[in-house]
Amino acid sequence: MFRIAISQLTDGGRRITPEHRSTAMSVDEAVLALREHLPTVDTTAFHSEAVQRSVNRVNDFRHDVDTADGGRYRVVIAPMM
């Protein structure tokens, strides 16, 4: 199982405001949750292999994304312990 946290970045990334938290059974399910919450985000960086490599190396996967309307978000996918 994985934890998913989506936070909005403001003030040039200095302010992080939690916006959405959920869980998923797999990386693919986590990406689906991201697409549902932020439908305009490009999710090509979130392929299963890249996420799993990062989780194995540093215990989570973090990636900043931009929305079509100019919003900036940080997405964290981490295993549940």
N, C-alpha and C. Protein backbone atom coordinates (compact mmCIF):
# COMPACT_ATOMS: atom_id res chain seq x y z
N MET A 1 0.83 -1.18 0.00
CA MET A 1 0.00 0.00 0.00
C MET A 1 0.88 1.25 0.00
N PHE A 2 0.32 2.30 -0.57
CA PHE A 2 1.05 3.56 -0.68
C PHE A 2 0.22 4.71 -0.13
N ARG A 3 0.90 5.69 0.45
CA ARG A 3 0.29 6.94 0.87
C ARG A 3 0.51 7.96 -0.25
N ILE A 4 -0.48 8.78 -0.50
CA ILE A 4 -0.38 9.84 -1.50
C ILE A 4 -0.67 11.16 -0.81
N ALA A 5 0.20 12.13 -1.00
CA ALA A 5 -0.01 13.47 -0.45
C ALA A 5 0.20 14.47 -1.58
N ILE A 6 -0.78 15.34 -1.75
CA ILE A 6 -0.70 16.40 -2.77
C ILE A 6 -0.79 17.73 -2.02
N SER A 7 0.23 18.56 -2.21
CA SER A 7 0.27 19.86 -1.53
C SER A 7 0.48 20.96 -2.55
N GLN A 8 -0.17 22.09 -2.31
CA GLN A 8 0.00 23.24 -3.19
C GLN A 8 1.24 24.01 -2.77
N LEU A 9 2.04 24.42 -3.76
CA LEU A 9 3.24 25.23 -3.51
C LEU A 9 2.93 26.67 -3.88
N THR A 10 3.25 27.58 -2.97
CA THR A 10 3.08 29.01 -3.24
C THR A 10 4.33 29.75 -2.77
N ASP A 11 4.37 31.02 -3.04
CA ASP A 11 5.52 31.86 -2.67
C ASP A 11 6.83 31.29 -3.19
N GLY A 12 6.83 30.88 -4.45
CA GLY A 12 8.03 30.34 -5.06
C GLY A 12 8.48 29.02 -4.46
N GLY A 13 7.54 28.26 -3.90
CA GLY A 13 7.86 26.97 -3.30
C GLY A 13 8.22 27.05 -1.83
N ARG A 14 8.19 28.23 -1.25
CA ARG A 14 8.53 28.37 0.17
C ARG A 14 7.37 27.97 1.08
N ARG A 15 6.14 28.04 0.57
CA ARG A 15 4.98 27.68 1.37
C ARG A 15 4.34 26.43 0.77
N ILE A 16 4.16 25.42 1.59
CA ILE A 16 3.56 24.15 1.17
C ILE A 16 2.28 23.96 1.97
N THR A 17 1.16 23.88 1.26
CA THR A 17 -0.14 23.73 1.91
C THR A 17 -0.74 22.38 1.54
N PRO A 18 -0.88 21.46 2.51
CA PRO A 18 -1.48 20.16 2.21
C PRO A 18 -2.89 20.34 1.64
N GLU A 19 -3.19 19.58 0.60
CA GLU A 19 -4.49 19.73 -0.05
C GLU A 19 -5.26 18.41 -0.16
N HIS A 20 -4.54 17.30 -0.31
CA HIS A 20 -5.22 16.02 -0.51
C HIS A 20 -4.34 14.89 0.02
N ARG A 21 -4.97 13.96 0.71
CA ARG A 21 -4.27 12.76 1.19
C ARG A 21 -5.16 11.56 0.91
N SER A 22 -4.53 10.47 0.50
CA SER A 22 -5.28 9.24 0.29
C SER A 22 -4.31 8.07 0.29
N THR A 23 -4.84 6.88 0.07
CA THR A 23 -4.02 5.68 0.00
C THR A 23 -4.34 4.94 -1.29
N ALA A 24 -3.41 4.08 -1.69
CA ALA A 24 -3.59 3.29 -2.91
C ALA A 24 -2.92 1.93 -2.69
N MET A 25 -3.43 0.94 -3.39
CA MET A 25 -2.86 -0.41 -3.29
C MET A 25 -1.62 -0.57 -4.16
N SER A 26 -1.50 0.25 -5.21
CA SER A 26 -0.37 0.13 -6.14
C SER A 26 0.04 1.51 -6.63
N VAL A 27 1.17 1.58 -7.30
CA VAL A 27 1.63 2.83 -7.89
C VAL A 27 0.64 3.31 -8.95
N ASP A 28 0.14 2.39 -9.76
CA ASP A 28 -0.82 2.77 -10.81
C ASP A 28 -2.08 3.38 -10.21
N GLU A 29 -2.54 2.82 -9.09
CA GLU A 29 -3.71 3.37 -8.41
C GLU A 29 -3.40 4.76 -7.85
N ALA A 30 -2.17 4.96 -7.37
CA ALA A 30 -1.76 6.26 -6.85
C ALA A 30 -1.76 7.31 -7.96
N VAL A 31 -1.28 6.93 -9.14
CA VAL A 31 -1.27 7.85 -10.28
C VAL A 31 -2.70 8.17 -10.70
N LEU A 32 -3.58 7.19 -10.65
CA LEU A 32 -4.99 7.43 -10.97
C LEU A 32 -5.60 8.43 -10.00
N ALA A 33 -5.27 8.31 -8.72
CA ALA A 33 -5.77 9.27 -7.72
C ALA A 33 -5.24 10.67 -8.02
N LEU A 34 -3.98 10.77 -8.44
CA LEU A 34 -3.42 12.06 -8.82
C LEU A 34 -4.18 12.65 -10.00
N ARG A 35 -4.44 11.84 -11.02
CA ARG A 35 -5.16 12.31 -12.20
C ARG A 35 -6.58 12.76 -11.86
N GLU A 36 -7.21 12.09 -10.90
CA GLU A 36 -8.56 12.49 -10.49
C GLU A 36 -8.53 13.82 -9.76
N HIS A 37 -7.52 14.03 -8.94
CA HIS A 37 -7.44 15.28 -8.15
C HIS A 37 -6.92 16.45 -8.98
N LEU A 38 -5.95 16.20 -9.85
CA LEU A 38 -5.36 17.23 -10.70
C LEU A 38 -5.40 16.75 -12.16
N PRO A 39 -6.54 16.83 -12.80
CA PRO A 39 -6.68 16.24 -14.14
C PRO A 39 -5.82 16.86 -15.23
N THR A 40 -5.34 18.08 -15.06
CA THR A 40 -4.56 18.72 -16.12
C THR A 40 -3.05 18.49 -15.99
N VAL A 41 -2.63 17.73 -15.00
CA VAL A 41 -1.20 17.50 -14.75
C VAL A 41 -0.66 16.42 -15.68
N ASP A 42 0.53 16.67 -16.20
CA ASP A 42 1.24 15.67 -17.01
C ASP A 42 1.83 14.63 -16.05
N THR A 43 1.40 13.38 -16.19
CA THR A 43 1.83 12.32 -15.27
C THR A 43 2.88 11.39 -15.86
N THR A 44 3.56 11.80 -16.92
CA THR A 44 4.55 10.92 -17.55
C THR A 44 5.70 10.58 -16.61
N ALA A 45 6.05 11.45 -15.68
CA ALA A 45 7.14 11.17 -14.74
C ALA A 45 6.74 10.15 -13.69
N PHE A 46 5.47 9.81 -13.61
CA PHE A 46 4.96 8.93 -12.57
C PHE A 46 4.79 7.49 -13.03
N HIS A 47 5.66 7.00 -13.92
CA HIS A 47 5.51 5.62 -14.34
C HIS A 47 6.00 4.70 -13.22
N SER A 48 5.43 3.52 -13.16
CA SER A 48 5.63 2.58 -12.04
C SER A 48 7.10 2.34 -11.71
N GLU A 49 7.92 2.15 -12.71
CA GLU A 49 9.33 1.84 -12.49
C GLU A 49 10.06 2.99 -11.79
N ALA A 50 9.83 4.22 -12.22
CA ALA A 50 10.50 5.38 -11.62
C ALA A 50 10.06 5.57 -10.17
N VAL A 51 8.78 5.43 -9.92
CA VAL A 51 8.27 5.58 -8.55
C VAL A 51 8.86 4.50 -7.66
N GLN A 52 8.83 3.26 -8.12
CA GLN A 52 9.32 2.15 -7.31
C GLN A 52 10.82 2.28 -7.03
N ARG A 53 11.61 2.71 -8.01
CA ARG A 53 13.05 2.92 -7.80
C ARG A 53 13.30 3.96 -6.71
N SER A 54 12.56 5.06 -6.77
CA SER A 54 12.72 6.11 -5.78
C SER A 54 12.30 5.64 -4.40
N VAL A 55 11.19 4.91 -4.33
CA VAL A 55 10.72 4.39 -3.05
C VAL A 55 11.76 3.44 -2.46
N ASN A 56 12.36 2.62 -3.28
CA ASN A 56 13.38 1.68 -2.80
C ASN A 56 14.64 2.40 -2.32
N ARG A 57 14.99 3.51 -2.99
CA ARG A 57 16.21 4.24 -2.69
C ARG A 57 16.06 5.16 -1.49
N VAL A 58 15.04 6.00 -1.50
CA VAL A 58 14.91 7.04 -0.46
C VAL A 58 13.60 6.98 0.30
N ASN A 59 12.86 5.92 0.13
CA ASN A 59 11.62 5.64 0.86
C ASN A 59 10.42 6.48 0.44
N ASP A 60 10.54 7.30 -0.59
CA ASP A 60 9.37 7.97 -1.15
C ASP A 60 9.69 8.50 -2.55
N PHE A 61 8.67 8.97 -3.23
CA PHE A 61 8.81 9.57 -4.55
C PHE A 61 8.18 10.94 -4.44
N ARG A 62 8.94 11.99 -4.76
CA ARG A 62 8.45 13.37 -4.71
C ARG A 62 8.66 14.00 -6.08
N HIS A 63 7.63 14.69 -6.51
CA HIS A 63 7.74 15.35 -7.80
C HIS A 63 6.85 16.58 -7.80
N ASP A 64 7.38 17.71 -8.24
CA ASP A 64 6.60 18.94 -8.35
C ASP A 64 5.99 18.99 -9.75
N VAL A 65 4.71 19.36 -9.81
CA VAL A 65 3.98 19.40 -11.07
C VAL A 65 3.28 20.75 -11.22
N ASP A 66 3.02 21.11 -12.46
CA ASP A 66 2.28 22.34 -12.77
C ASP A 66 0.95 21.99 -13.40
N THR A 67 -0.08 22.77 -13.09
CA THR A 67 -1.38 22.58 -13.72
C THR A 67 -1.53 23.56 -14.87
N ALA A 68 -2.51 23.31 -15.71
CA ALA A 68 -2.75 24.17 -16.87
C ALA A 68 -3.10 25.60 -16.47
N ASP A 69 -3.69 25.78 -15.29
CA ASP A 69 -4.08 27.13 -14.86
C ASP A 69 -2.98 27.85 -14.08
N GLY A 70 -1.77 27.29 -14.07
CA GLY A 70 -0.64 27.96 -13.43
C GLY A 70 -0.37 27.55 -12.00
N GLY A 71 -1.13 26.60 -11.47
CA GLY A 71 -0.89 26.12 -10.11
C GLY A 71 0.34 25.23 -10.05
N ARG A 72 0.96 25.17 -8.90
CA ARG A 72 2.15 24.32 -8.71
C ARG A 72 1.89 23.45 -7.49
N TYR A 73 2.15 22.14 -7.64
CA TYR A 73 1.87 21.18 -6.58
C TYR A 73 3.04 20.24 -6.38
N ARG A 74 3.18 19.75 -5.15
CA ARG A 74 4.15 18.70 -4.85
C ARG A 74 3.37 17.42 -4.57
N VAL A 75 3.75 16.37 -5.25
CA VAL A 75 3.12 15.07 -5.07
C VAL A 75 4.12 14.14 -4.41
N VAL A 76 3.69 13.48 -3.34
CA VAL A 76 4.54 12.52 -2.65
C VAL A 76 3.81 11.18 -2.62
N ILE A 77 4.50 10.14 -3.07
CA ILE A 77 3.99 8.78 -3.01
C ILE A 77 4.98 8.00 -2.15
N ALA A 78 4.50 7.41 -1.07
CA ALA A 78 5.38 6.70 -0.15
C ALA A 78 4.72 5.41 0.31
N PRO A 79 5.52 4.40 0.62
CA PRO A 79 4.93 3.14 1.10
C PRO A 79 4.36 3.32 2.51
N MET A 80 3.31 2.59 2.80
CA MET A 80 2.75 2.61 4.15
C MET A 80 3.55 1.63 4.99
N MET A 81 3.90 2.04 6.15
CA MET A 81 4.71 1.20 7.03
C MET A 81 3.85 0.57 8.09
